[in-house]
């Protein structure tokens, strides 16, 4: 048991306040820089007093980076990826916990091991699949000789192609699977008494009804916590959207920040870049603020 003393409380408060300052100072500098004109923002040292050009800089950033379309794409992308991760991980954990089949533990650990394979490690094979999602099936047909047989009999060459580049499915689907969500749901489902599943079975409830009517309502805090984490994670993705969307109409807001960064021989208008940064970080900030209560409850709930 930790004894609470005034000295210990004061030290903890001082440490927390120091951490808060370290976290907020960069944001304060961004906000202040976004309020200055180009001459003031390039002054060394930059004045730490807010200027009067915030709205002009916001308008310039919005127009130059075409943030209206890009923010829509970002919201669609982040929401779809977060919802897909929540749904898919809930179903995967449900099948691992409540269905008795050989190798289910090995299957879970195979999924869990993928935590050591971030997107940057598997970017090349993922891009290859997105370029032609039917390539694995084409390889199976070629290996088994079905392609040769069909061409020999009918003269038709079987060539399966489905490209996902420069499309919303290509932007969203490769990021939907998540080992983190599966682990979170599995640990929660293991805390649910077996008597609940037995009672549901005695009442005539099938697996789908038990999952939809009982497990999902019970795991609502976990769902919201996972959605919040994955929404922010998806919103901040840069490498994958940059590779898979070469068409500007499918670009997202984060990748368009490069349109606001001054070039080597261009005007050093960092005030506009900082204004664009403020616009882009506003949606995930709103999501975190709105979901904060459920997010904390989903992570530290005593029922778990």
C-alpha atoms as a PDB file:
ATOM      1  CA  UNK A   1       0.000   0.000   0.000  1.00  0.00           C
ATOM      2  CA  UNK A   2       1.368   3.414  -0.994  1.00  0.00           C
ATOM      3  CA  UNK A   3       1.087   6.011   1.733  1.00  0.00           C
ATOM      4  CA  UNK A   4      -0.134   9.401   0.552  1.00  0.00           C
ATOM      5  CA  UNK A   5       1.807  12.320   2.010  1.00  0.00           C
ATOM      6  CA  UNK A   6       1.797  16.036   1.114  1.00  0.00           C
ATOM      7  CA  UNK A   7       5.448  15.862  -0.015  1.00  0.00           C
ATOM      8  CA  UNK A   8       4.830  12.845  -2.227  1.00  0.00           C
ATOM      9  CA  UNK A   9       1.705  14.467  -3.719  1.00  0.00           C
ATOM     10  CA  UNK A  10       3.639  17.674  -4.430  1.00  0.00           C
ATOM     11  CA  UNK A  11       6.413  15.746  -6.204  1.00  0.00           C
ATOM     12  CA  UNK A  12       3.880  13.828  -8.320  1.00  0.00           C
ATOM     13  CA  UNK A  13       2.065  17.029  -9.232  1.00  0.00           C
ATOM     14  CA  UNK A  14       5.354  18.695 -10.201  1.00  0.00           C
ATOM     15  CA  UNK A  15       6.321  15.752 -12.422  1.00  0.00           C
ATOM     16  CA  UNK A  16       2.903  15.719 -14.068  1.00  0.00           C
ATOM     17  CA  UNK A  17       3.044  19.472 -14.648  1.00  0.00           C
ATOM     18  CA  UNK A  18       6.513  19.165 -16.186  1.00  0.00           C
ATOM     19  CA  UNK A  19       5.271  16.427 -18.503  1.00  0.00           C
ATOM     20  CA  UNK A  20       2.294  18.578 -19.452  1.00  0.00           C
ATOM     21  CA  UNK A  21       4.603  21.471 -20.355  1.00  0.00           C
ATOM     22  CA  UNK A  22       6.822  19.234 -22.464  1.00  0.00           C
ATOM     23  CA  UNK A  23       3.760  17.956 -24.333  1.00  0.00           C
ATOM     24  CA  UNK A  24       2.080  21.335 -24.830  1.00  0.00           C
ATOM     25  CA  UNK A  25       5.045  23.556 -25.748  1.00  0.00           C
ATOM     26  CA  UNK A  26       5.312  22.234 -29.345  1.00  0.00           C
ATOM     27  CA  UNK A  27       1.576  22.758 -29.858  1.00  0.00           C
ATOM     28  CA  UNK A  28       1.825  26.274 -28.469  1.00  0.00           C
ATOM     29  CA  UNK A  29       4.667  27.096 -30.871  1.00  0.00           C
ATOM     30  CA  UNK A  30       2.641  25.758 -33.810  1.00  0.00           C
ATOM     31  CA  UNK A  31      -0.380  27.850 -32.819  1.00  0.00           C
ATOM     32  CA  UNK A  32       1.701  30.999 -32.338  1.00  0.00           C
ATOM     33  CA  UNK A  33       3.564  30.496 -35.637  1.00  0.00           C
ATOM     34  CA  UNK A  34       0.240  30.097 -37.451  1.00  0.00           C
ATOM     35  CA  UNK A  35      -0.833  33.560 -36.305  1.00  0.00           C
ATOM     36  CA  UNK A  36       2.164  35.468 -37.719  1.00  0.00           C
ATOM     37  CA  UNK A  37       2.990  36.750 -41.192  1.00  0.00           C
ATOM     38  CA  UNK A  38       5.888  35.391 -43.230  1.00  0.00           C
ATOM     39  CA  UNK A  39       8.329  38.045 -42.041  1.00  0.00           C
ATOM     40  CA  UNK A  40       7.626  37.585 -38.344  1.00  0.00           C
ATOM     41  CA  UNK A  41       7.621  33.767 -38.422  1.00  0.00           C
ATOM     42  CA  UNK A  42      11.143  33.779 -39.896  1.00  0.00           C
ATOM     43  CA  UNK A  43      12.491  36.151 -37.274  1.00  0.00           C
ATOM     44  CA  UNK A  44      15.161  34.615 -35.025  1.00  0.00           C
ATOM     45  CA  UNK A  45      14.057  34.167 -32.343  1.00  0.00           C
ATOM     46  CA  UNK A  46      10.382  34.091 -33.319  1.00  0.00           C
ATOM     47  CA  UNK A  47       8.159  36.233 -31.081  1.00  0.00           C
ATOM     48  CA  UNK A  48       6.143  34.132 -28.635  1.00  0.00           C
ATOM     49  CA  UNK A  49       3.264  36.615 -28.717  1.00  0.00           C
ATOM     50  CA  UNK A  50       0.348  35.663 -31.044  1.00  0.00           C
ATOM     51  CA  UNK A  51      -0.048  37.708 -34.218  1.00  0.00           C
ATOM     52  CA  UNK A  52      -3.088  38.770 -36.237  1.00  0.00           C
ATOM     53  CA  UNK A  53      -2.826  36.673 -39.407  1.00  0.00           C
ATOM     54  CA  UNK A  54      -4.323  33.382 -38.216  1.00  0.00           C
ATOM     55  CA  UNK A  55      -7.435  33.391 -40.398  1.00  0.00           C
ATOM     56  CA  UNK A  56      -5.513  34.574 -43.456  1.00  0.00           C
ATOM     57  CA  UNK A  57      -3.024  31.737 -42.994  1.00  0.00           C
ATOM     58  CA  UNK A  58      -5.816  29.200 -42.466  1.00  0.00           C
ATOM     59  CA  UNK A  59      -7.524  30.312 -45.677  1.00  0.00           C
ATOM     60  CA  UNK A  60      -4.260  30.134 -47.618  1.00  0.00           C
ATOM     61  CA  UNK A  61      -3.489  26.637 -46.302  1.00  0.00           C
ATOM     62  CA  UNK A  62      -7.024  25.436 -47.030  1.00  0.00           C
ATOM     63  CA  UNK A  63      -6.864  26.635 -50.633  1.00  0.00           C
ATOM     64  CA  UNK A  64      -3.289  25.636 -51.450  1.00  0.00           C
ATOM     65  CA  UNK A  65      -3.577  22.051 -50.149  1.00  0.00           C
ATOM     66  CA  UNK A  66      -7.201  21.588 -51.278  1.00  0.00           C
ATOM     67  CA  UNK A  67      -8.043  20.515 -47.740  1.00  0.00           C
ATOM     68  CA  UNK A  68     -11.793  20.342 -48.349  1.00  0.00           C
ATOM     69  CA  UNK A  69     -11.482  17.180 -50.474  1.00  0.00           C
ATOM     70  CA  UNK A  70      -8.471  15.853 -48.594  1.00  0.00           C
ATOM     71  CA  UNK A  71     -10.149  16.136 -45.182  1.00  0.00           C
ATOM     72  CA  UNK A  72     -13.185  14.282 -46.529  1.00  0.00           C
ATOM     73  CA  UNK A  73     -10.907  11.503 -47.784  1.00  0.00           C
ATOM     74  CA  UNK A  74      -9.107  11.416 -44.440  1.00  0.00           C
ATOM     75  CA  UNK A  75     -12.325  11.177 -42.430  1.00  0.00           C
ATOM     76  CA  UNK A  76     -13.621   8.427 -44.732  1.00  0.00           C
ATOM     77  CA  UNK A  77     -10.306   6.583 -44.626  1.00  0.00           C
ATOM     78  CA  UNK A  78      -9.787   6.781 -40.858  1.00  0.00           C
ATOM     79  CA  UNK A  79     -13.417   5.964 -40.005  1.00  0.00           C
ATOM     80  CA  UNK A  80     -13.581   2.991 -42.364  1.00  0.00           C
ATOM     81  CA  UNK A  81     -10.260   1.557 -41.160  1.00  0.00           C
ATOM     82  CA  UNK A  82     -11.198   2.034 -37.485  1.00  0.00           C
ATOM     83  CA  UNK A  83     -14.656   0.459 -37.945  1.00  0.00           C
ATOM     84  CA  UNK A  84     -13.175  -2.404 -39.949  1.00  0.00           C
ATOM     85  CA  UNK A  85     -10.589  -3.099 -37.265  1.00  0.00           C
ATOM     86  CA  UNK A  86     -13.238  -3.052 -34.527  1.00  0.00           C
ATOM     87  CA  UNK A  87     -15.585  -5.420 -36.363  1.00  0.00           C
ATOM     88  CA  UNK A  88     -12.947  -7.816 -37.708  1.00  0.00           C
ATOM     89  CA  UNK A  89     -11.047  -8.106 -34.429  1.00  0.00           C
ATOM     90  CA  UNK A  90     -14.274  -8.695 -32.480  1.00  0.00           C
ATOM     91  CA  UNK A  91     -15.266 -11.516 -34.833  1.00  0.00           C
ATOM     92  CA  UNK A  92     -11.775 -13.036 -34.791  1.00  0.00           C
ATOM     93  CA  UNK A  93     -11.583 -13.009 -30.991  1.00  0.00           C
ATOM     94  CA  UNK A  94     -15.112 -14.448 -30.744  1.00  0.00           C
ATOM     95  CA  UNK A  95     -14.205 -17.385 -32.967  1.00  0.00           C
ATOM     96  CA  UNK A  96     -10.979 -18.067 -31.056  1.00  0.00           C
ATOM     97  CA  UNK A  97     -12.570 -17.938 -27.594  1.00  0.00           C
ATOM     98  CA  UNK A  98     -15.989 -19.534 -28.128  1.00  0.00           C
ATOM     99  CA  UNK A  99     -15.406 -22.072 -30.906  1.00  0.00           C
ATOM    100  CA  UNK A 100     -13.595 -25.286 -30.078  1.00  0.00           C
ATOM    101  CA  UNK A 101     -11.440 -26.313 -33.033  1.00  0.00           C
ATOM    102  CA  UNK A 102      -7.935 -27.767 -33.312  1.00  0.00           C
ATOM    103  CA  UNK A 103      -5.154 -25.246 -33.440  1.00  0.00           C
ATOM    104  CA  UNK A 104      -7.104 -22.250 -32.189  1.00  0.00           C
ATOM    105  CA  UNK A 105      -4.323 -21.328 -29.736  1.00  0.00           C
ATOM    106  CA  UNK A 106      -1.745 -21.593 -32.503  1.00  0.00           C
ATOM    107  CA  UNK A 107      -3.960 -19.436 -34.689  1.00  0.00           C
ATOM    108  CA  UNK A 108      -4.189 -16.767 -32.012  1.00  0.00           C
ATOM    109  CA  UNK A 109      -0.434 -16.708 -31.477  1.00  0.00           C
ATOM    110  CA  UNK A 110       0.101 -16.548 -35.230  1.00  0.00           C
ATOM    111  CA  UNK A 111      -2.099 -13.443 -35.256  1.00  0.00           C
ATOM    112  CA  UNK A 112      -0.348 -12.042 -32.189  1.00  0.00           C
ATOM    113  CA  UNK A 113       3.111 -12.480 -33.738  1.00  0.00           C
ATOM    114  CA  UNK A 114       2.113 -10.090 -36.523  1.00  0.00           C
ATOM    115  CA  UNK A 115       2.485  -7.292 -33.960  1.00  0.00           C
ATOM    116  CA  UNK A 116       6.204  -7.577 -34.700  1.00  0.00           C
ATOM    117  CA  UNK A 117       5.549  -6.907 -38.381  1.00  0.00           C
ATOM    118  CA  UNK A 118       4.578  -3.238 -38.767  1.00  0.00           C
ATOM    119  CA  UNK A 119       3.284  -1.878 -42.037  1.00  0.00           C
ATOM    120  CA  UNK A 120       6.704  -0.559 -43.023  1.00  0.00           C
ATOM    121  CA  UNK A 121       8.139  -4.113 -42.933  1.00  0.00           C
ATOM    122  CA  UNK A 122       5.430  -5.660 -45.107  1.00  0.00           C
ATOM    123  CA  UNK A 123       4.909  -2.672 -47.383  1.00  0.00           C
ATOM    124  CA  UNK A 124       6.272  -4.382 -50.528  1.00  0.00           C
ATOM    125  CA  UNK A 125       4.061  -7.533 -50.463  1.00  0.00           C
ATOM    126  CA  UNK A 126       1.076  -5.462 -49.357  1.00  0.00           C
ATOM    127  CA  UNK A 127       1.578  -3.116 -52.299  1.00  0.00           C
ATOM    128  CA  UNK A 128       1.908  -6.105 -54.641  1.00  0.00           C
ATOM    129  CA  UNK A 129      -1.423  -7.492 -53.420  1.00  0.00           C
ATOM    130  CA  UNK A 130      -3.079  -4.081 -53.770  1.00  0.00           C
ATOM    131  CA  UNK A 131      -1.763  -3.789 -57.323  1.00  0.00           C
ATOM    132  CA  UNK A 132      -3.529  -7.059 -58.164  1.00  0.00           C
ATOM    133  CA  UNK A 133      -5.695  -8.533 -55.413  1.00  0.00           C
ATOM    134  CA  UNK A 134      -6.346 -11.680 -57.466  1.00  0.00           C
ATOM    135  CA  UNK A 135      -2.668 -12.495 -57.988  1.00  0.00           C
ATOM    136  CA  UNK A 136      -2.664 -15.264 -55.298  1.00  0.00           C
ATOM    137  CA  UNK A 137      -5.591 -16.997 -57.024  1.00  0.00           C
ATOM    138  CA  UNK A 138      -3.835 -16.650 -60.376  1.00  0.00           C
ATOM    139  CA  UNK A 139      -0.767 -18.284 -58.851  1.00  0.00           C
ATOM    140  CA  UNK A 140      -2.892 -21.198 -57.588  1.00  0.00           C
ATOM    141  CA  UNK A 141      -4.408 -21.716 -61.023  1.00  0.00           C
ATOM    142  CA  UNK A 142      -0.990 -21.596 -62.664  1.00  0.00           C
ATOM    143  CA  UNK A 143       0.558 -23.989 -60.149  1.00  0.00           C
ATOM    144  CA  UNK A 144      -2.226 -26.574 -60.376  1.00  0.00           C
ATOM    145  CA  UNK A 145      -2.215 -26.451 -64.172  1.00  0.00           C
ATOM    146  CA  UNK A 146      -5.806 -25.241 -64.468  1.00  0.00           C
ATOM    147  CA  UNK A 147      -4.707 -22.222 -66.513  1.00  0.00           C
ATOM    148  CA  UNK A 148      -2.937 -24.461 -69.027  1.00  0.00           C
ATOM    149  CA  UNK A 149      -5.871 -26.885 -69.162  1.00  0.00           C
ATOM    150  CA  UNK A 150      -8.458 -24.158 -69.825  1.00  0.00           C
ATOM    151  CA  UNK A 151      -6.295 -22.612 -72.526  1.00  0.00           C
ATOM    152  CA  UNK A 152      -5.664 -26.015 -74.096  1.00  0.00           C
ATOM    153  CA  UNK A 153      -9.363 -26.955 -74.184  1.00  0.00           C
ATOM    154  CA  UNK A 154     -11.058 -23.631 -74.940  1.00  0.00           C
ATOM    155  CA  UNK A 155      -8.251 -21.434 -76.199  1.00  0.00           C
ATOM    156  CA  UNK A 156      -9.078 -18.863 -73.500  1.00  0.00           C
ATOM    157  CA  UNK A 157      -6.253 -17.541 -71.381  1.00  0.00           C
ATOM    158  CA  UNK A 158      -7.252 -17.208 -67.745  1.00  0.00           C
ATOM    159  CA  UNK A 159      -5.790 -13.988 -66.379  1.00  0.00           C
ATOM    160  CA  UNK A 160      -7.251 -12.704 -63.118  1.00  0.00           C
ATOM    161  CA  UNK A 161      -6.678  -9.037 -62.363  1.00  0.00           C
ATOM    162  CA  UNK A 162      -8.217  -6.643 -59.856  1.00  0.00           C
ATOM    163  CA  UNK A 163      -6.180  -3.566 -59.141  1.00  0.00           C
ATOM    164  CA  UNK A 164      -6.879  -1.592 -55.965  1.00  0.00           C
ATOM    165  CA  UNK A 165      -4.456   1.265 -56.532  1.00  0.00           C
ATOM    166  CA  UNK A 166      -5.975   4.750 -56.587  1.00  0.00           C
ATOM    167  CA  UNK A 167      -9.204   3.603 -54.992  1.00  0.00           C
ATOM    168  CA  UNK A 168     -10.847   3.730 -51.589  1.00  0.00           C
ATOM    169  CA  UNK A 169     -10.816  -0.091 -51.182  1.00  0.00           C
ATOM    170  CA  UNK A 170      -7.086  -0.128 -51.877  1.00  0.00           C
ATOM    171  CA  UNK A 171      -6.565   2.627 -49.358  1.00  0.00           C
ATOM    172  CA  UNK A 172      -8.674   0.982 -46.633  1.00  0.00           C
ATOM    173  CA  UNK A 173      -8.742  -2.818 -46.923  1.00  0.00           C
ATOM    174  CA  UNK A 174      -5.006  -3.607 -46.455  1.00  0.00           C
ATOM    175  CA  UNK A 175      -5.056  -1.813 -43.079  1.00  0.00           C
ATOM    176  CA  UNK A 176      -8.216  -3.377 -41.633  1.00  0.00           C
ATOM    177  CA  UNK A 177      -6.667  -6.400 -39.882  1.00  0.00           C
ATOM    178  CA  UNK A 178      -5.275  -5.765 -36.382  1.00  0.00           C
ATOM    179  CA  UNK A 179      -3.613  -8.096 -33.904  1.00  0.00           C
ATOM    180  CA  UNK A 180      -3.928  -5.470 -31.173  1.00  0.00           C
ATOM    181  CA  UNK A 181      -7.723  -5.420 -31.393  1.00  0.00           C
ATOM    182  CA  UNK A 182      -7.933  -9.210 -31.509  1.00  0.00           C
ATOM    183  CA  UNK A 183      -5.797  -9.468 -28.364  1.00  0.00           C
ATOM    184  CA  UNK A 184      -7.868  -6.810 -26.574  1.00  0.00           C
ATOM    185  CA  UNK A 185     -11.166  -8.529 -27.378  1.00  0.00           C
ATOM    186  CA  UNK A 186      -9.817 -11.989 -26.531  1.00  0.00           C
ATOM    187  CA  UNK A 187      -8.700 -10.879 -23.097  1.00  0.00           C
ATOM    188  CA  UNK A 188     -12.106  -9.317 -22.460  1.00  0.00           C
ATOM    189  CA  UNK A 189     -14.074 -12.336 -23.692  1.00  0.00           C
ATOM    190  CA  UNK A 190     -12.046 -14.616 -21.408  1.00  0.00           C
ATOM    191  CA  UNK A 191     -13.340 -12.678 -18.389  1.00  0.00           C
ATOM    192  CA  UNK A 192     -16.988 -13.336 -19.293  1.00  0.00           C
ATOM    193  CA  UNK A 193     -18.403 -16.276 -17.264  1.00  0.00           C
ATOM    194  CA  UNK A 194     -19.052 -19.470 -19.191  1.00  0.00           C
ATOM    195  CA  UNK A 195     -22.472 -19.610 -17.544  1.00  0.00           C
ATOM    196  CA  UNK A 196     -23.584 -16.688 -19.727  1.00  0.00           C
ATOM    197  CA  UNK A 197     -22.896 -18.615 -22.924  1.00  0.00           C
ATOM    198  CA  UNK A 198     -24.528 -21.743 -21.475  1.00  0.00           C
ATOM    199  CA  UNK A 199     -27.638 -19.816 -20.434  1.00  0.00           C
ATOM    200  CA  UNK A 200     -27.894 -18.251 -23.882  1.00  0.00           C
ATOM    201  CA  UNK A 201     -27.572 -21.677 -25.480  1.00  0.00           C
ATOM    202  CA  UNK A 202     -30.328 -23.093 -23.236  1.00  0.00           C
ATOM    203  CA  UNK A 203     -32.589 -20.212 -24.273  1.00  0.00           C
ATOM    204  CA  UNK A 204     -32.133 -21.182 -27.918  1.00  0.00           C
ATOM    205  CA  UNK A 205     -29.662 -18.469 -28.839  1.00  0.00           C
ATOM    206  CA  UNK A 206     -27.293 -19.325 -31.647  1.00  0.00           C
ATOM    207  CA  UNK A 207     -23.695 -18.125 -31.978  1.00  0.00           C
ATOM    208  CA  UNK A 208     -24.577 -15.091 -34.101  1.00  0.00           C
ATOM    209  CA  UNK A 209     -27.359 -13.956 -31.776  1.00  0.00           C
ATOM    210  CA  UNK A 210     -25.169 -14.494 -28.698  1.00  0.00           C
ATOM    211  CA  UNK A 211     -22.419 -12.444 -30.337  1.00  0.00           C
ATOM    212  CA  UNK A 212     -24.679  -9.588 -31.462  1.00  0.00           C
ATOM    213  CA  UNK A 213     -27.125  -9.384 -28.536  1.00  0.00           C
ATOM    214  CA  UNK A 214     -24.821 -10.136 -25.617  1.00  0.00           C
ATOM    215  CA  UNK A 215     -21.116  -9.858 -26.355  1.00  0.00           C
ATOM    216  CA  UNK A 216     -21.168  -6.672 -28.414  1.00  0.00           C
ATOM    217  CA  UNK A 217     -23.214  -4.653 -25.869  1.00  0.00           C
ATOM    218  CA  UNK A 218     -20.938  -5.856 -23.066  1.00  0.00           C
ATOM    219  CA  UNK A 219     -17.818  -4.885 -25.023  1.00  0.00           C
ATOM    220  CA  UNK A 220     -19.038  -1.411 -25.998  1.00  0.00           C
ATOM    221  CA  UNK A 221     -16.356   0.413 -23.927  1.00  0.00           C
ATOM    222  CA  UNK A 222     -13.683  -1.770 -25.542  1.00  0.00           C
ATOM    223  CA  UNK A 223     -15.086  -1.034 -28.980  1.00  0.00           C
ATOM    224  CA  UNK A 224     -15.014   2.722 -28.422  1.00  0.00           C
ATOM    225  CA  UNK A 225     -11.514   2.607 -26.938  1.00  0.00           C
ATOM    226  CA  UNK A 226     -10.233   0.578 -29.876  1.00  0.00           C
ATOM    227  CA  UNK A 227     -12.051   2.820 -32.358  1.00  0.00           C
ATOM    228  CA  UNK A 228     -10.457   5.919 -30.851  1.00  0.00           C
ATOM    229  CA  UNK A 229      -6.960   4.442 -30.943  1.00  0.00           C
ATOM    230  CA  UNK A 230      -7.309   3.157 -34.493  1.00  0.00           C
ATOM    231  CA  UNK A 231      -8.933   6.342 -35.785  1.00  0.00           C
ATOM    232  CA  UNK A 232      -5.974   8.421 -34.614  1.00  0.00           C
ATOM    233  CA  UNK A 233      -3.543   5.776 -35.909  1.00  0.00           C
ATOM    234  CA  UNK A 234      -5.228   5.709 -39.324  1.00  0.00           C
ATOM    235  CA  UNK A 235      -5.435   9.489 -39.500  1.00  0.00           C
ATOM    236  CA  UNK A 236      -1.671   9.769 -38.987  1.00  0.00           C
ATOM    237  CA  UNK A 237      -0.783   7.197 -41.645  1.00  0.00           C
ATOM    238  CA  UNK A 238       1.555   8.658 -44.245  1.00  0.00           C
ATOM    239  CA  UNK A 239       3.565   5.977 -46.059  1.00  0.00           C
ATOM    240  CA  UNK A 240       0.741   3.710 -47.236  1.00  0.00           C
ATOM    241  CA  UNK A 241      -1.576   6.472 -48.560  1.00  0.00           C
ATOM    242  CA  UNK A 242       1.429   8.082 -50.240  1.00  0.00           C
ATOM    243  CA  UNK A 243       2.242   4.852 -52.118  1.00  0.00           C
ATOM    244  CA  UNK A 244      -1.223   3.610 -53.020  1.00  0.00           C
ATOM    245  CA  UNK A 245      -2.837   6.906 -54.086  1.00  0.00           C
ATOM    246  CA  UNK A 246      -0.942   8.600 -56.892  1.00  0.00           C
ATOM    247  CA  UNK A 247      -4.177  10.212 -58.098  1.00  0.00           C
ATOM    248  CA  UNK A 248      -4.632  13.535 -56.228  1.00  0.00           C
ATOM    249  CA  UNK A 249      -8.386  13.033 -55.836  1.00  0.00           C
ATOM    250  CA  UNK A 250      -7.743  10.077 -53.508  1.00  0.00           C
ATOM    251  CA  UNK A 251      -5.094  11.845 -51.414  1.00  0.00           C
ATOM    252  CA  UNK A 252      -5.565  12.403 -47.701  1.00  0.00           C
ATOM    253  CA  UNK A 253      -4.839  15.472 -45.612  1.00  0.00           C
ATOM    254  CA  UNK A 254      -1.663  14.220 -43.931  1.00  0.00           C
ATOM    255  CA  UNK A 255       0.098  13.546 -47.221  1.00  0.00           C
ATOM    256  CA  UNK A 256      -0.939  16.956 -48.509  1.00  0.00           C
ATOM    257  CA  UNK A 257       1.098  18.672 -45.815  1.00  0.00           C
ATOM    258  CA  UNK A 258       4.017  18.386 -48.230  1.00  0.00           C
ATOM    259  CA  UNK A 259       2.227  20.903 -50.476  1.00  0.00           C
ATOM    260  CA  UNK A 260       2.491  23.435 -47.659  1.00  0.00           C
ATOM    261  CA  UNK A 261       6.113  22.821 -46.693  1.00  0.00           C
ATOM    262  CA  UNK A 262       8.339  25.490 -48.274  1.00  0.00           C
ATOM    263  CA  UNK A 263      10.614  24.170 -51.009  1.00  0.00           C
ATOM    264  CA  UNK A 264      14.337  24.760 -51.095  1.00  0.00           C
ATOM    265  CA  UNK A 265      14.088  27.832 -53.309  1.00  0.00           C
ATOM    266  CA  UNK A 266      10.537  28.881 -52.399  1.00  0.00           C
ATOM    267  CA  UNK A 267       9.171  31.347 -49.908  1.00  0.00           C
ATOM    268  CA  UNK A 268       9.752  30.213 -46.302  1.00  0.00           C
ATOM    269  CA  UNK A 269       6.077  30.651 -45.405  1.00  0.00           C
ATOM    270  CA  UNK A 270       6.120  28.386 -42.366  1.00  0.00           C
ATOM    271  CA  UNK A 271       3.141  30.294 -41.016  1.00  0.00           C
ATOM    272  CA  UNK A 272       0.942  28.727 -43.711  1.00  0.00           C
ATOM    273  CA  UNK A 273       2.393  25.268 -43.025  1.00  0.00           C
ATOM    274  CA  UNK A 274       1.655  25.623 -39.321  1.00  0.00           C
ATOM    275  CA  UNK A 275      -1.886  26.793 -40.091  1.00  0.00           C
ATOM    276  CA  UNK A 276      -2.418  23.706 -42.234  1.00  0.00           C
ATOM    277  CA  UNK A 277      -1.097  21.564 -39.398  1.00  0.00           C
ATOM    278  CA  UNK A 278      -3.700  23.052 -37.063  1.00  0.00           C
ATOM    279  CA  UNK A 279      -6.492  22.226 -39.495  1.00  0.00           C
ATOM    280  CA  UNK A 280      -5.317  18.669 -40.030  1.00  0.00           C
ATOM    281  CA  UNK A 281      -4.892  17.797 -36.357  1.00  0.00           C
ATOM    282  CA  UNK A 282      -8.303  19.171 -35.390  1.00  0.00           C
ATOM    283  CA  UNK A 283     -10.519  16.143 -36.381  1.00  0.00           C
ATOM    284  CA  UNK A 284      -8.595  13.502 -34.360  1.00  0.00           C
ATOM    285  CA  UNK A 285      -8.475  15.930 -31.447  1.00  0.00           C
ATOM    286  CA  UNK A 286     -12.259  16.268 -31.573  1.00  0.00           C
ATOM    287  CA  UNK A 287     -12.678  12.477 -31.700  1.00  0.00           C
ATOM    288  CA  UNK A 288     -10.425  11.987 -28.661  1.00  0.00           C
ATOM    289  CA  UNK A 289     -12.271  14.680 -26.694  1.00  0.00           C
ATOM    290  CA  UNK A 290     -15.703  13.236 -27.519  1.00  0.00           C
ATOM    291  CA  UNK A 291     -14.629   9.641 -26.816  1.00  0.00           C
ATOM    292  CA  UNK A 292     -12.462  10.363 -23.770  1.00  0.00           C
ATOM    293  CA  UNK A 293     -14.864   9.056 -21.129  1.00  0.00           C
ATOM    294  CA  UNK A 294     -15.570   5.810 -22.990  1.00  0.00           C
ATOM    295  CA  UNK A 295     -11.924   5.490 -24.000  1.00  0.00           C
ATOM    296  CA  UNK A 296     -10.703   5.548 -20.385  1.00  0.00           C
ATOM    297  CA  UNK A 297     -13.488   3.210 -19.280  1.00  0.00           C
ATOM    298  CA  UNK A 298     -12.600   0.717 -22.028  1.00  0.00           C
ATOM    299  CA  UNK A 299      -8.943   0.607 -20.995  1.00  0.00           C
ATOM    300  CA  UNK A 300      -9.221   0.505 -17.189  1.00  0.00           C
ATOM    301  CA  UNK A 301     -12.691  -0.912 -16.599  1.00  0.00           C
ATOM    302  CA  UNK A 302     -12.731  -3.111 -13.508  1.00  0.00           C
ATOM    303  CA  UNK A 303     -15.016  -5.629 -15.215  1.00  0.00           C
ATOM    304  CA  UNK A 304     -12.075  -6.683 -17.305  1.00  0.00           C
END
